[in-house]
Amino acid sequence: MTLDFLRQNGIDVDCGLELLGDEDLYNETLGDFIDESEDRLPKMQAYLEAGDMPNYAILAHSHKSDSKYLGFTTLAELSYQHEMESKANNQSYVSEHYSELMAETNRVVNIVKIYLGRD
C-alpha cells in the first residue's frame, strides 16, 4: 500500500510528512494513532455518558491534535468543535454530534488500518 491510498481517501499526507519529516516516522505515528484511539474512544464515550465534560474535553483535544498532525483534516475540525463545546460544558452539542465524530473517526481508523495492513 502506498501513501497515495491515503491521499485518495481524503488524508492530507503531505501535512503529516511536513510535520513528521519522513514516511517511516509518519507510518509509525499512524500506528500509534490507531493504538491510542482504541484506548481513547471508550473513555470519551464513558465521559460523555457520565456528563464529565472537563475530561471529555481533554481527550477531544488530544484527538484533535493527533488528527491535525497526521493530516486528518475533517476529523481534526470535528474534534476541535467537540473540544470547544465540551470546554463550554455544552453537553447537548456533544451528545447530538457524537455519532458524527465517531463515524469520521472510524472511517479514518479503517483507512489507516488497511494502509498499515492491520485490518
PDB file of N, CA and C in Angstrom:
ATOM      1  N   MET A   1       0.854  -1.177   0.000  1.00  0.00           N
ATOM      2  CA  MET A   1       0.000   0.000   0.000  1.00  0.00           C
ATOM      3  C   MET A   1       0.902   1.243   0.000  1.00  0.00           C
ATOM      4  N   THR A   2       0.521   2.212  -0.791  1.00  0.00           N
ATOM      5  CA  THR A   2       1.322   3.430  -0.871  1.00  0.00           C
ATOM      6  C   THR A   2       0.584   4.597  -0.212  1.00  0.00           C
ATOM      7  N   LEU A   3       1.321   5.672  -0.016  1.00  0.00           N
ATOM      8  CA  LEU A   3       0.726   6.880   0.560  1.00  0.00           C
ATOM      9  C   LEU A   3      -0.407   7.411  -0.305  1.00  0.00           C
ATOM     10  N   ASP A   4      -0.381   7.101  -1.604  1.00  0.00           N
ATOM     11  CA  ASP A   4      -1.462   7.548  -2.488  1.00  0.00           C
ATOM     12  C   ASP A   4      -2.812   6.998  -2.043  1.00  0.00           C
ATOM     13  N   PHE A   5      -2.820   5.803  -1.447  1.00  0.00           N
ATOM     14  CA  PHE A   5      -4.069   5.245  -0.924  1.00  0.00           C
ATOM     15  C   PHE A   5      -4.672   6.185   0.120  1.00  0.00           C
ATOM     16  N   LEU A   6      -3.830   6.711   0.990  1.00  0.00           N
ATOM     17  CA  LEU A   6      -4.307   7.649   1.997  1.00  0.00           C
ATOM     18  C   LEU A   6      -4.811   8.929   1.339  1.00  0.00           C
ATOM     19  N   ARG A   7      -4.053   9.420   0.385  1.00  0.00           N
ATOM     20  CA  ARG A   7      -4.443  10.661  -0.312  1.00  0.00           C
ATOM     21  C   ARG A   7      -5.802  10.484  -0.992  1.00  0.00           C
ATOM     22  N   GLN A   8      -6.000   9.336  -1.638  1.00  0.00           N
ATOM     23  CA  GLN A   8      -7.257   9.076  -2.354  1.00  0.00           C
ATOM     24  C   GLN A   8      -8.436   8.990  -1.389  1.00  0.00           C
ATOM     25  N   ASN A   9      -8.162   8.793  -0.124  1.00  0.00           N
ATOM     26  CA  ASN A   9      -9.217   8.705   0.883  1.00  0.00           C
ATOM     27  C   ASN A   9      -9.309   9.953   1.745  1.00  0.00           C
ATOM     28  N   GLY A  10      -8.804  11.070   1.213  1.00  0.00           N
ATOM     29  CA  GLY A  10      -9.013  12.363   1.850  1.00  0.00           C
ATOM     30  C   GLY A  10      -8.062  12.707   2.976  1.00  0.00           C
ATOM     31  N   ILE A  11      -6.933  12.020   3.052  1.00  0.00           N
ATOM     32  CA  ILE A  11      -5.966  12.319   4.112  1.00  0.00           C
ATOM     33  C   ILE A  11      -4.858  13.195   3.546  1.00  0.00           C
ATOM     34  N   ASP A  12      -4.570  14.277   4.241  1.00  0.00           N
ATOM     35  CA  ASP A  12      -3.548  15.232   3.807  1.00  0.00           C
ATOM     36  C   ASP A  12      -2.171  14.724   4.248  1.00  0.00           C
ATOM     37  N   VAL A  13      -1.692  13.738   3.518  1.00  0.00           N
ATOM     38  CA  VAL A  13      -0.422  13.087   3.835  1.00  0.00           C
ATOM     39  C   VAL A  13       0.718  14.097   3.861  1.00  0.00           C
ATOM     40  N   ASP A  14       0.701  15.039   2.938  1.00  0.00           N
ATOM     41  CA  ASP A  14       1.802  16.000   2.848  1.00  0.00           C
ATOM     42  C   ASP A  14       1.918  16.846   4.111  1.00  0.00           C
ATOM     43  N   CYS A  15       0.790  17.161   4.729  1.00  0.00           N
ATOM     44  CA  CYS A  15       0.806  17.891   6.006  1.00  0.00           C
ATOM     45  C   CYS A  15       1.514  17.051   7.066  1.00  0.00           C
ATOM     46  N   GLY A  16       1.158  15.791   7.141  1.00  0.00           N
ATOM     47  CA  GLY A  16       1.780  14.896   8.117  1.00  0.00           C
ATOM     48  C   GLY A  16       3.260  14.714   7.873  1.00  0.00           C
ATOM     49  N   LEU A  17       3.634  14.547   6.624  1.00  0.00           N
ATOM     50  CA  LEU A  17       5.054  14.375   6.291  1.00  0.00           C
ATOM     51  C   LEU A  17       5.845  15.638   6.596  1.00  0.00           C
ATOM     52  N   GLU A  18       5.231  16.786   6.374  1.00  0.00           N
ATOM     53  CA  GLU A  18       5.912  18.053   6.656  1.00  0.00           C
ATOM     54  C   GLU A  18       6.210  18.179   8.150  1.00  0.00           C
ATOM     55  N   LEU A  19       5.269  17.764   8.968  1.00  0.00           N
ATOM     56  CA  LEU A  19       5.448  17.867  10.417  1.00  0.00           C
ATOM     57  C   LEU A  19       6.356  16.777  10.978  1.00  0.00           C
ATOM     58  N   LEU A  20       6.246  15.575  10.421  1.00  0.00           N
ATOM     59  CA  LEU A  20       6.959  14.439  10.998  1.00  0.00           C
ATOM     60  C   LEU A  20       8.277  14.118  10.294  1.00  0.00           C
ATOM     61  N   GLY A  21       8.466  14.653   9.109  1.00  0.00           N
ATOM     62  CA  GLY A  21       9.774  14.529   8.471  1.00  0.00           C
ATOM     63  C   GLY A  21       9.916  13.448   7.423  1.00  0.00           C
ATOM     64  N   ASP A  22       9.553  12.214   7.740  1.00  0.00           N
ATOM     65  CA  ASP A  22       9.722  11.171   6.737  1.00  0.00           C
ATOM     66  C   ASP A  22       8.621  10.123   6.839  1.00  0.00           C
ATOM     67  N   GLU A  23       8.552   9.289   5.822  1.00  0.00           N
ATOM     68  CA  GLU A  23       7.479   8.307   5.711  1.00  0.00           C
ATOM     69  C   GLU A  23       7.524   7.271   6.837  1.00  0.00           C
ATOM     70  N   ASP A  24       8.711   6.855   7.241  1.00  0.00           N
ATOM     71  CA  ASP A  24       8.801   5.855   8.307  1.00  0.00           C
ATOM     72  C   ASP A  24       8.214   6.377   9.615  1.00  0.00           C
ATOM     73  N   LEU A  25       8.582   7.593   9.992  1.00  0.00           N
ATOM     74  CA  LEU A  25       8.051   8.177  11.219  1.00  0.00           C
ATOM     75  C   LEU A  25       6.552   8.431  11.091  1.00  0.00           C
ATOM     76  N   TYR A  26       6.118   8.854   9.918  1.00  0.00           N
ATOM     77  CA  TYR A  26       4.690   9.069   9.672  1.00  0.00           C
ATOM     78  C   TYR A  26       3.930   7.763   9.858  1.00  0.00           C
ATOM     79  N   ASN A  27       4.432   6.675   9.270  1.00  0.00           N
ATOM     80  CA  ASN A  27       3.768   5.379   9.389  1.00  0.00           C
ATOM     81  C   ASN A  27       3.736   4.903  10.846  1.00  0.00           C
ATOM     82  N   GLU A  28       4.828   5.112  11.548  1.00  0.00           N
ATOM     83  CA  GLU A  28       4.889   4.730  12.960  1.00  0.00           C
ATOM     84  C   GLU A  28       3.856   5.520  13.774  1.00  0.00           C
ATOM     85  N   THR A  29       3.750   6.793  13.469  1.00  0.00           N
ATOM     86  CA  THR A  29       2.804   7.653  14.182  1.00  0.00           C
ATOM     87  C   THR A  29       1.368   7.282  13.830  1.00  0.00           C
ATOM     88  N   LEU A  30       1.117   6.858  12.599  1.00  0.00           N
ATOM     89  CA  LEU A  30      -0.208   6.363  12.231  1.00  0.00           C
ATOM     90  C   LEU A  30      -0.580   5.155  13.098  1.00  0.00           C
ATOM     91  N   GLY A  31       0.381   4.256  13.290  1.00  0.00           N
ATOM     92  CA  GLY A  31       0.147   3.092  14.141  1.00  0.00           C
ATOM     93  C   GLY A  31      -0.140   3.492  15.569  1.00  0.00           C
ATOM     94  N   ASP A  32       0.586   4.482  16.059  1.00  0.00           N
ATOM     95  CA  ASP A  32       0.343   4.989  17.415  1.00  0.00           C
ATOM     96  C   ASP A  32      -1.072   5.565  17.533  1.00  0.00           C
ATOM     97  N   PHE A  33      -1.521   6.249  16.487  1.00  0.00           N
ATOM     98  CA  PHE A  33      -2.869   6.826  16.488  1.00  0.00           C
ATOM     99  C   PHE A  33      -3.921   5.724  16.628  1.00  0.00           C
ATOM    100  N   ILE A  34      -3.732   4.637  15.897  1.00  0.00           N
ATOM    101  CA  ILE A  34      -4.675   3.510  15.979  1.00  0.00           C
ATOM    102  C   ILE A  34      -4.699   2.969  17.409  1.00  0.00           C
ATOM    103  N   ASP A  35      -3.525   2.724  17.967  1.00  0.00           N
ATOM    104  CA  ASP A  35      -3.436   2.174  19.322  1.00  0.00           C
ATOM    105  C   ASP A  35      -4.066   3.116  20.348  1.00  0.00           C
ATOM    106  N   GLU A  36      -3.765   4.397  20.232  1.00  0.00           N
ATOM    107  CA  GLU A  36      -4.293   5.374  21.180  1.00  0.00           C
ATOM    108  C   GLU A  36      -5.798   5.534  21.030  1.00  0.00           C
ATOM    109  N   SER A  37      -6.294   5.433  19.803  1.00  0.00           N
ATOM    110  CA  SER A  37      -7.738   5.544  19.585  1.00  0.00           C
ATOM    111  C   SER A  37      -8.482   4.404  20.262  1.00  0.00           C
ATOM    112  N   GLU A  38      -7.908   3.222  20.231  1.00  0.00           N
ATOM    113  CA  GLU A  38      -8.561   2.075  20.871  1.00  0.00           C
ATOM    114  C   GLU A  38      -8.702   2.290  22.369  1.00  0.00           C
ATOM    115  N   ASP A  39      -7.806   3.064  22.952  1.00  0.00           N
ATOM    116  CA  ASP A  39      -7.878   3.393  24.370  1.00  0.00           C
ATOM    117  C   ASP A  39      -8.743   4.635  24.600  1.00  0.00           C
ATOM    118  N   ARG A  40      -8.597   5.622  23.763  1.00  0.00           N
ATOM    119  CA  ARG A  40      -9.238   6.926  23.950  1.00  0.00           C
ATOM    120  C   ARG A  40     -10.751   6.888  23.707  1.00  0.00           C
ATOM    121  N   LEU A  41     -11.196   6.199  22.674  1.00  0.00           N
ATOM    122  CA  LEU A  41     -12.607   6.274  22.287  1.00  0.00           C
ATOM    123  C   LEU A  41     -13.561   5.728  23.349  1.00  0.00           C
ATOM    124  N   PRO A  42     -13.273   4.576  23.957  1.00  0.00           N
ATOM    125  CA  PRO A  42     -14.175   4.128  25.032  1.00  0.00           C
ATOM    126  C   PRO A  42     -14.203   5.096  26.215  1.00  0.00           C
ATOM    127  N   LYS A  43     -13.081   5.733  26.500  1.00  0.00           N
ATOM    128  CA  LYS A  43     -13.045   6.716  27.588  1.00  0.00           C
ATOM    129  C   LYS A  43     -13.890   7.941  27.237  1.00  0.00           C
ATOM    130  N   MET A  44     -13.813   8.379  25.989  1.00  0.00           N
ATOM    131  CA  MET A  44     -14.618   9.526  25.572  1.00  0.00           C
ATOM    132  C   MET A  44     -16.102   9.213  25.742  1.00  0.00           C
ATOM    133  N   GLN A  45     -16.497   8.016  25.328  1.00  0.00           N
ATOM    134  CA  GLN A  45     -17.899   7.635  25.451  1.00  0.00           C
ATOM    135  C   GLN A  45     -18.319   7.586  26.917  1.00  0.00           C
ATOM    136  N   ALA A  46     -17.464   7.030  27.757  1.00  0.00           N
ATOM    137  CA  ALA A  46     -17.781   6.948  29.195  1.00  0.00           C
ATOM    138  C   ALA A  46     -17.910   8.347  29.804  1.00  0.00           C
ATOM    139  N   TYR A  47     -17.010   9.253  29.439  1.00  0.00           N
ATOM    140  CA  TYR A  47     -17.088  10.622  29.955  1.00  0.00           C
ATOM    141  C   TYR A  47     -18.363  11.311  29.468  1.00  0.00           C
ATOM    142  N   LEU A  48     -18.715  11.077  28.211  1.00  0.00           N
ATOM    143  CA  LEU A  48     -19.944  11.669  27.678  1.00  0.00           C
ATOM    144  C   LEU A  48     -21.151  11.140  28.447  1.00  0.00           C
ATOM    145  N   GLU A  49     -21.214   9.831  28.621  1.00  0.00           N
ATOM    146  CA  GLU A  49     -22.351   9.230  29.326  1.00  0.00           C
ATOM    147  C   GLU A  49     -22.440   9.710  30.771  1.00  0.00           C
ATOM    148  N   ALA A  50     -21.299   9.976  31.392  1.00  0.00           N
ATOM    149  CA  ALA A  50     -21.274  10.452  32.774  1.00  0.00           C
ATOM    150  C   ALA A  50     -21.474  11.968  32.873  1.00  0.00           C
ATOM    151  N   GLY A  51     -21.489  12.650  31.733  1.00  0.00           N
ATOM    152  CA  GLY A  51     -21.611  14.099  31.741  1.00  0.00           C
ATOM    153  C   GLY A  51     -20.352  14.796  32.216  1.00  0.00           C
ATOM    154  N   ASP A  52     -19.218  14.121  32.093  1.00  0.00           N
ATOM    155  CA  ASP A  52     -17.931  14.654  32.545  1.00  0.00           C
ATOM    156  C   ASP A  52     -17.262  15.413  31.393  1.00  0.00           C
ATOM    157  N   MET A  53     -17.718  16.640  31.200  1.00  0.00           N
ATOM    158  CA  MET A  53     -17.226  17.433  30.078  1.00  0.00           C
ATOM    159  C   MET A  53     -15.757  17.858  30.233  1.00  0.00           C
ATOM    160  N   PRO A  54     -15.254  18.146  31.446  1.00  0.00           N
ATOM    161  CA  PRO A  54     -13.828  18.509  31.540  1.00  0.00           C
ATOM    162  C   PRO A  54     -12.893  17.396  31.051  1.00  0.00           C
ATOM    163  N   ASN A  55     -13.152  16.152  31.441  1.00  0.00           N
ATOM    164  CA  ASN A  55     -12.295  15.058  30.981  1.00  0.00           C
ATOM    165  C   ASN A  55     -12.549  14.713  29.516  1.00  0.00           C
ATOM    166  N   TYR A  56     -13.786  14.860  29.069  1.00  0.00           N
ATOM    167  CA  TYR A  56     -14.094  14.671  27.652  1.00  0.00           C
ATOM    168  C   TYR A  56     -13.294  15.678  26.825  1.00  0.00           C
ATOM    169  N   ALA A  57     -13.243  16.926  27.288  1.00  0.00           N
ATOM    170  CA  ALA A  57     -12.518  17.985  26.570  1.00  0.00           C
ATOM    171  C   ALA A  57     -11.039  17.656  26.433  1.00  0.00           C
ATOM    172  N   ILE A  58     -10.452  17.079  27.464  1.00  0.00           N
ATOM    173  CA  ILE A  58      -9.031  16.713  27.408  1.00  0.00           C
ATOM    174  C   ILE A  58      -8.791  15.695  26.301  1.00  0.00           C
ATOM    175  N   LEU A  59      -9.660  14.686  26.223  1.00  0.00           N
ATOM    176  CA  LEU A  59      -9.489  13.656  25.198  1.00  0.00           C
ATOM    177  C   LEU A  59      -9.823  14.196  23.808  1.00  0.00           C
ATOM    178  N   ALA A  60     -10.823  15.062  23.711  1.00  0.00           N
ATOM    179  CA  ALA A  60     -11.148  15.671  22.420  1.00  0.00           C
ATOM    180  C   ALA A  60      -9.972  16.508  21.926  1.00  0.00           C
ATOM    181  N   HIS A  61      -9.311  17.198  22.846  1.00  0.00           N
ATOM    182  CA  HIS A  61      -8.125  17.987  22.488  1.00  0.00           C
ATOM    183  C   HIS A  61      -7.015  17.080  21.933  1.00  0.00           C
ATOM    184  N   SER A  62      -6.754  15.973  22.597  1.00  0.00           N
ATOM    185  CA  SER A  62      -5.733  15.029  22.119  1.00  0.00           C
ATOM    186  C   SER A  62      -6.099  14.472  20.747  1.00  0.00           C
ATOM    187  N   HIS A  63      -7.374  14.150  20.599  1.00  0.00           N
ATOM    188  CA  HIS A  63      -7.858  13.589  19.329  1.00  0.00           C
ATOM    189  C   HIS A  63      -7.661  14.615  18.204  1.00  0.00           C
ATOM    190  N   LYS A  64      -7.967  15.875  18.502  1.00  0.00           N
ATOM    191  CA  LYS A  64      -7.803  16.957  17.530  1.00  0.00           C
ATOM    192  C   LYS A  64      -6.335  17.111  17.141  1.00  0.00           C
ATOM    193  N   SER A  65      -5.475  17.173  18.142  1.00  0.00           N
ATOM    194  CA  SER A  65      -4.049  17.392  17.868  1.00  0.00           C
ATOM    195  C   SER A  65      -3.456  16.261  17.047  1.00  0.00           C
ATOM    196  N   ASP A  66      -3.727  15.025  17.440  1.00  0.00           N
ATOM    197  CA  ASP A  66      -3.212  13.876  16.688  1.00  0.00           C
ATOM    198  C   ASP A  66      -3.728  13.903  15.261  1.00  0.00           C
ATOM    199  N   SER A  67      -5.006  14.193  15.108  1.00  0.00           N
ATOM    200  CA  SER A  67      -5.617  14.218  13.776  1.00  0.00           C
ATOM    201  C   SER A  67      -4.995  15.296  12.906  1.00  0.00           C
ATOM    202  N   LYS A  68      -4.757  16.443  13.487  1.00  0.00           N
ATOM    203  CA  LYS A  68      -4.174  17.561  12.730  1.00  0.00           C
ATOM    204  C   LYS A  68      -2.759  17.222  12.262  1.00  0.00           C
ATOM    205  N   TYR A  69      -1.950  16.650  13.158  1.00  0.00           N
ATOM    206  CA  TYR A  69      -0.578  16.297  12.812  1.00  0.00           C
ATOM    207  C   TYR A  69      -0.505  15.262  11.698  1.00  0.00           C
ATOM    208  N   LEU A  70      -1.485  14.371  11.648  1.00  0.00           N
ATOM    209  CA  LEU A  70      -1.448  13.274  10.683  1.00  0.00           C
ATOM    210  C   LEU A  70      -2.170  13.598   9.375  1.00  0.00           C
ATOM    211  N   GLY A  71      -2.801  14.771   9.310  1.00  0.00           N
ATOM    212  CA  GLY A  71      -3.465  15.174   8.077  1.00  0.00           C
ATOM    213  C   GLY A  71      -4.909  14.714   7.963  1.00  0.00           C
ATOM    214  N   PHE A  72      -5.530  14.397   9.092  1.00  0.00           N
ATOM    215  CA  PHE A  72      -6.947  14.018   9.098  1.00  0.00           C
ATOM    216  C   PHE A  72      -7.757  15.299   9.292  1.00  0.00           C
ATOM    217  N   THR A  73      -7.855  16.095   8.254  1.00  0.00           N
ATOM    218  CA  THR A  73      -8.394  17.450   8.349  1.00  0.00           C
ATOM    219  C   THR A  73      -9.817  17.484   8.885  1.00  0.00           C
ATOM    220  N   THR A  74     -10.709  16.696   8.310  1.00  0.00           N
ATOM    221  CA  THR A  74     -12.104  16.705   8.749  1.00  0.00           C
ATOM    222  C   THR A  74     -12.218  16.243  10.193  1.00  0.00           C
ATOM    223  N   LEU A  75     -11.494  15.200  10.537  1.00  0.00           N
ATOM    224  CA  LEU A  75     -11.531  14.691  11.913  1.00  0.00           C
ATOM    225  C   LEU A  75     -10.981  15.726  12.892  1.00  0.00           C
ATOM    226  N   ALA A  76      -9.942  16.432  12.496  1.00  0.00           N
ATOM    227  CA  ALA A  76      -9.381  17.481  13.358  1.00  0.00           C
ATOM    228  C   ALA A  76     -10.413  18.587  13.592  1.00  0.00           C
ATOM    229  N   GLU A  77     -11.143  18.964  12.543  1.00  0.00           N
ATOM    230  CA  GLU A  77     -12.148  20.017  12.678  1.00  0.00           C
ATOM    231  C   GLU A  77     -13.292  19.575  13.589  1.00  0.00           C
ATOM    232  N   LEU A  78     -13.767  18.347  13.402  1.00  0.00           N
ATOM    233  CA  LEU A  78     -14.839  17.832  14.254  1.00  0.00           C
ATOM    234  C   LEU A  78     -14.374  17.739  15.707  1.00  0.00           C
ATOM    235  N   SER A  79     -13.168  17.252  15.901  1.00  0.00           N
ATOM    236  CA  SER A  79     -12.627  17.118  17.260  1.00  0.00           C
ATOM    237  C   SER A  79     -12.477  18.478  17.924  1.00  0.00           C
ATOM    238  N   TYR A  80     -12.077  19.480  17.143  1.00  0.00           N
ATOM    239  CA  TYR A  80     -11.949  20.838  17.666  1.00  0.00           C
ATOM    240  C   TYR A  80     -13.302  21.348  18.165  1.00  0.00           C
ATOM    241  N   GLN A  81     -14.351  21.121  17.378  1.00  0.00           N
ATOM    242  CA  GLN A  81     -15.683  21.544  17.800  1.00  0.00           C
ATOM    243  C   GLN A  81     -16.082  20.858  19.104  1.00  0.00           C
ATOM    244  N   HIS A  82     -15.785  19.570  19.205  1.00  0.00           N
ATOM    245  CA  HIS A  82     -16.103  18.835  20.432  1.00  0.00           C
ATOM    246  C   HIS A  82     -15.284  19.364  21.611  1.00  0.00           C
ATOM    247  N   GLU A  83     -14.035  19.679  21.346  1.00  0.00           N
ATOM    248  CA  GLU A  83     -13.201  20.242  22.411  1.00  0.00           C
ATOM    249  C   GLU A  83     -13.781  21.560  22.913  1.00  0.00           C
ATOM    250  N   MET A  84     -14.097  22.448  21.998  1.00  0.00           N
ATOM    251  CA  MET A  84     -14.593  23.775  22.388  1.00  0.00           C
ATOM    252  C   MET A  84     -15.948  23.677  23.095  1.00  0.00           C
ATOM    253  N   GLU A  85     -16.846  22.862  22.568  1.00  0.00           N
ATOM    254  CA  GLU A  85     -18.180  22.752  23.161  1.00  0.00           C
ATOM    255  C   GLU A  85     -18.139  22.057  24.527  1.00  0.00           C
ATOM    256  N   SER A  86     -17.266  21.069  24.667  1.00  0.00           N
ATOM    257  CA  SER A  86     -17.176  20.408  25.973  1.00  0.00           C
ATOM    258  C   SER A  86     -16.516  21.327  26.996  1.00  0.00           C
ATOM    259  N   LYS A  87     -15.563  22.141  26.561  1.00  0.00           N
ATOM    260  CA  LYS A  87     -14.976  23.129  27.480  1.00  0.00           C
ATOM    261  C   LYS A  87     -16.017  24.147  27.924  1.00  0.00           C
ATOM    262  N   ALA A  88     -17.001  24.411  27.058  1.00  0.00           N
ATOM    263  CA  ALA A  88     -18.096  25.329  27.404  1.00  0.00           C
ATOM    264  C   ALA A  88     -19.208  24.600  28.158  1.00  0.00           C
ATOM    265  N   ASN A  89     -18.978  23.342  28.476  1.00  0.00           N
ATOM    266  CA  ASN A  89     -19.935  22.492  29.191  1.00  0.00           C
ATOM    267  C   ASN A  89     -21.249  22.331  28.424  1.00  0.00           C
ATOM    268  N   ASN A  90     -21.167  22.323  27.099  1.00  0.00           N
ATOM    269  CA  ASN A  90     -22.333  22.175  26.235  1.00  0.00           C
ATOM    270  C   ASN A  90     -22.539  20.688  25.936  1.00  0.00           C
ATOM    271  N   GLN A  91     -23.052  19.983  26.920  1.00  0.00           N
ATOM    272  CA  GLN A  91     -23.218  18.539  26.782  1.00  0.00           C
ATOM    273  C   GLN A  91     -24.227  18.192  25.689  1.00  0.00           C
ATOM    274  N   SER A  92     -25.224  19.034  25.473  1.00  0.00           N
ATOM    275  CA  SER A  92     -26.221  18.723  24.447  1.00  0.00           C
ATOM    276  C   SER A  92     -25.575  18.729  23.056  1.00  0.00           C
ATOM    277  N   TYR A  93     -24.701  19.698  22.785  1.00  0.00           N
ATOM    278  CA  TYR A  93     -23.994  19.708  21.497  1.00  0.00           C
ATOM    279  C   TYR A  93     -23.164  18.437  21.345  1.00  0.00           C
ATOM    280  N   VAL A  94     -22.394  18.120  22.364  1.00  0.00           N
ATOM    281  CA  VAL A  94     -21.514  16.957  22.301  1.00  0.00           C
ATOM    282  C   VAL A  94     -22.339  15.691  22.058  1.00  0.00           C
ATOM    283  N   SER A  95     -23.438  15.545  22.775  1.00  0.00           N
ATOM    284  CA  SER A  95     -24.297  14.366  22.609  1.00  0.00           C
ATOM    285  C   SER A  95     -24.893  14.303  21.206  1.00  0.00           C
ATOM    286  N   GLU A  96     -25.377  15.439  20.735  1.00  0.00           N
ATOM    287  CA  GLU A  96     -26.021  15.477  19.417  1.00  0.00           C
ATOM    288  C   GLU A  96     -25.046  15.209  18.274  1.00  0.00           C
ATOM    289  N   HIS A  97     -23.772  15.561  18.440  1.00  0.00           N
ATOM    290  CA  HIS A  97     -22.796  15.435  17.354  1.00  0.00           C
ATOM    291  C   HIS A  97     -21.778  14.315  17.581  1.00  0.00           C
ATOM    292  N   TYR A  98     -21.968  13.554  18.647  1.00  0.00           N
ATOM    293  CA  TYR A  98     -21.020  12.484  18.974  1.00  0.00           C
ATOM    294  C   TYR A  98     -20.951  11.429  17.872  1.00  0.00           C
ATOM    295  N   SER A  99     -22.099  11.031  17.337  1.00  0.00           N
ATOM    296  CA  SER A  99     -22.097   9.980  16.309  1.00  0.00           C
ATOM    297  C   SER A  99     -21.360  10.440  15.051  1.00  0.00           C
ATOM    298  N   GLU A 100     -21.441  11.724  14.738  1.00  0.00           N
ATOM    299  CA  GLU A 100     -20.718  12.278  13.585  1.00  0.00           C
ATOM    300  C   GLU A 100     -19.204  12.181  13.808  1.00  0.00           C
ATOM    301  N   LEU A 101     -18.765  12.534  15.012  1.00  0.00           N
ATOM    302  CA  LEU A 101     -17.354  12.438  15.355  1.00  0.00           C
ATOM    303  C   LEU A 101     -16.875  10.992  15.285  1.00  0.00           C
ATOM    304  N   MET A 102     -17.669  10.086  15.830  1.00  0.00           N
ATOM    305  CA  MET A 102     -17.264   8.672  15.835  1.00  0.00           C
ATOM    306  C   MET A 102     -17.275   8.079  14.432  1.00  0.00           C
ATOM    307  N   ALA A 103     -18.227   8.496  13.598  1.00  0.00           N
ATOM    308  CA  ALA A 103     -18.276   7.982  12.224  1.00  0.00           C
ATOM    309  C   ALA A 103     -17.010   8.383  11.458  1.00  0.00           C
ATOM    310  N   GLU A 104     -16.595   9.638  11.595  1.00  0.00           N
ATOM    311  CA  GLU A 104     -15.376  10.086  10.908  1.00  0.00           C
ATOM    312  C   GLU A 104     -14.144   9.427  11.518  1.00  0.00           C
ATOM    313  N   THR A 105     -14.132   9.270  12.832  1.00  0.00           N
ATOM    314  CA  THR A 105     -13.013   8.580  13.476  1.00  0.00           C
ATOM    315  C   THR A 105     -12.897   7.163  12.949  1.00  0.00           C
ATOM    316  N   ASN A 106     -13.998   6.449  12.913  1.00  0.00           N
ATOM    317  CA  ASN A 106     -13.979   5.071  12.429  1.00  0.00           C
ATOM    318  C   ASN A 106     -13.575   4.982  10.963  1.00  0.00           C
ATOM    319  N   ARG A 107     -14.027   5.951  10.163  1.00  0.00           N
ATOM    320  CA  ARG A 107     -13.636   5.978   8.751  1.00  0.00           C
ATOM    321  C   ARG A 107     -12.121   6.104   8.626  1.00  0.00           C
ATOM    322  N   VAL A 108     -11.540   7.038   9.356  1.00  0.00           N
ATOM    323  CA  VAL A 108     -10.097   7.268   9.305  1.00  0.00           C
ATOM    324  C   VAL A 108      -9.339   6.059   9.849  1.00  0.00           C
ATOM    325  N   VAL A 109      -9.779   5.525  10.978  1.00  0.00           N
ATOM    326  CA  VAL A 109      -9.110   4.367  11.576  1.00  0.00           C
ATOM    327  C   VAL A 109      -9.110   3.199  10.596  1.00  0.00           C
ATOM    328  N   ASN A 110     -10.240   2.956   9.934  1.00  0.00           N
ATOM    329  CA  ASN A 110     -10.314   1.839   8.984  1.00  0.00           C
ATOM    330  C   ASN A 110      -9.394   2.050   7.792  1.00  0.00           C
ATOM    331  N   ILE A 111      -9.327   3.266   7.285  1.00  0.00           N
ATOM    332  CA  ILE A 111      -8.425   3.570   6.173  1.00  0.00           C
ATOM    333  C   ILE A 111      -6.974   3.329   6.585  1.00  0.00           C
ATOM    334  N   VAL A 112      -6.616   3.812   7.761  1.00  0.00           N
ATOM    335  CA  VAL A 112      -5.240   3.661   8.239  1.00  0.00           C
ATOM    336  C   VAL A 112      -4.918   2.196   8.492  1.00  0.00           C
ATOM    337  N   LYS A 113      -5.867   1.448   9.039  1.00  0.00           N
ATOM    338  CA  LYS A 113      -5.632   0.018   9.261  1.00  0.00           C
ATOM    339  C   LYS A 113      -5.390  -0.712   7.943  1.00  0.00           C
ATOM    340  N   ILE A 114      -6.164  -0.388   6.933  1.00  0.00           N
ATOM    341  CA  ILE A 114      -5.955  -1.002   5.612  1.00  0.00           C
ATOM    342  C   ILE A 114      -4.578  -0.632   5.095  1.00  0.00           C
ATOM    343  N   TYR A 115      -4.242   0.648   5.182  1.00  0.00           N
ATOM    344  CA  TYR A 115      -2.936   1.130   4.707  1.00  0.00           C
ATOM    345  C   TYR A 115      -1.790   0.423   5.411  1.00  0.00           C
ATOM    346  N   LEU A 116      -1.917   0.254   6.732  1.00  0.00           N
ATOM    347  CA  LEU A 116      -0.844  -0.367   7.513  1.00  0.00           C
ATOM    348  C   LEU A 116      -0.895  -1.896   7.493  1.00  0.00           C
ATOM    349  N   GLY A 117      -1.924  -2.459   6.857  1.00  0.00           N
ATOM    350  CA  GLY A 117      -2.065  -3.903   6.807  1.00  0.00           C
ATOM    351  C   GLY A 117      -2.500  -4.502   8.129  1.00  0.00           C
ATOM    352  N   ARG A 118      -3.283  -3.739   8.878  1.00  0.00           N
ATOM    353  CA  ARG A 118      -3.748  -4.193  10.195  1.00  0.00           C
ATOM    354  C   ARG A 118      -5.206  -4.619  10.204  1.00  0.00           C
ATOM    355  N   ASP A 119      -5.832  -4.659   9.042  1.00  0.00           N
ATOM    356  CA  ASP A 119      -7.270  -4.972   9.025  1.00  0.00           C
ATOM    357  C   ASP A 119      -7.548  -6.444   9.203  1.00  0.00           C
TER     358      ASP A 119
END
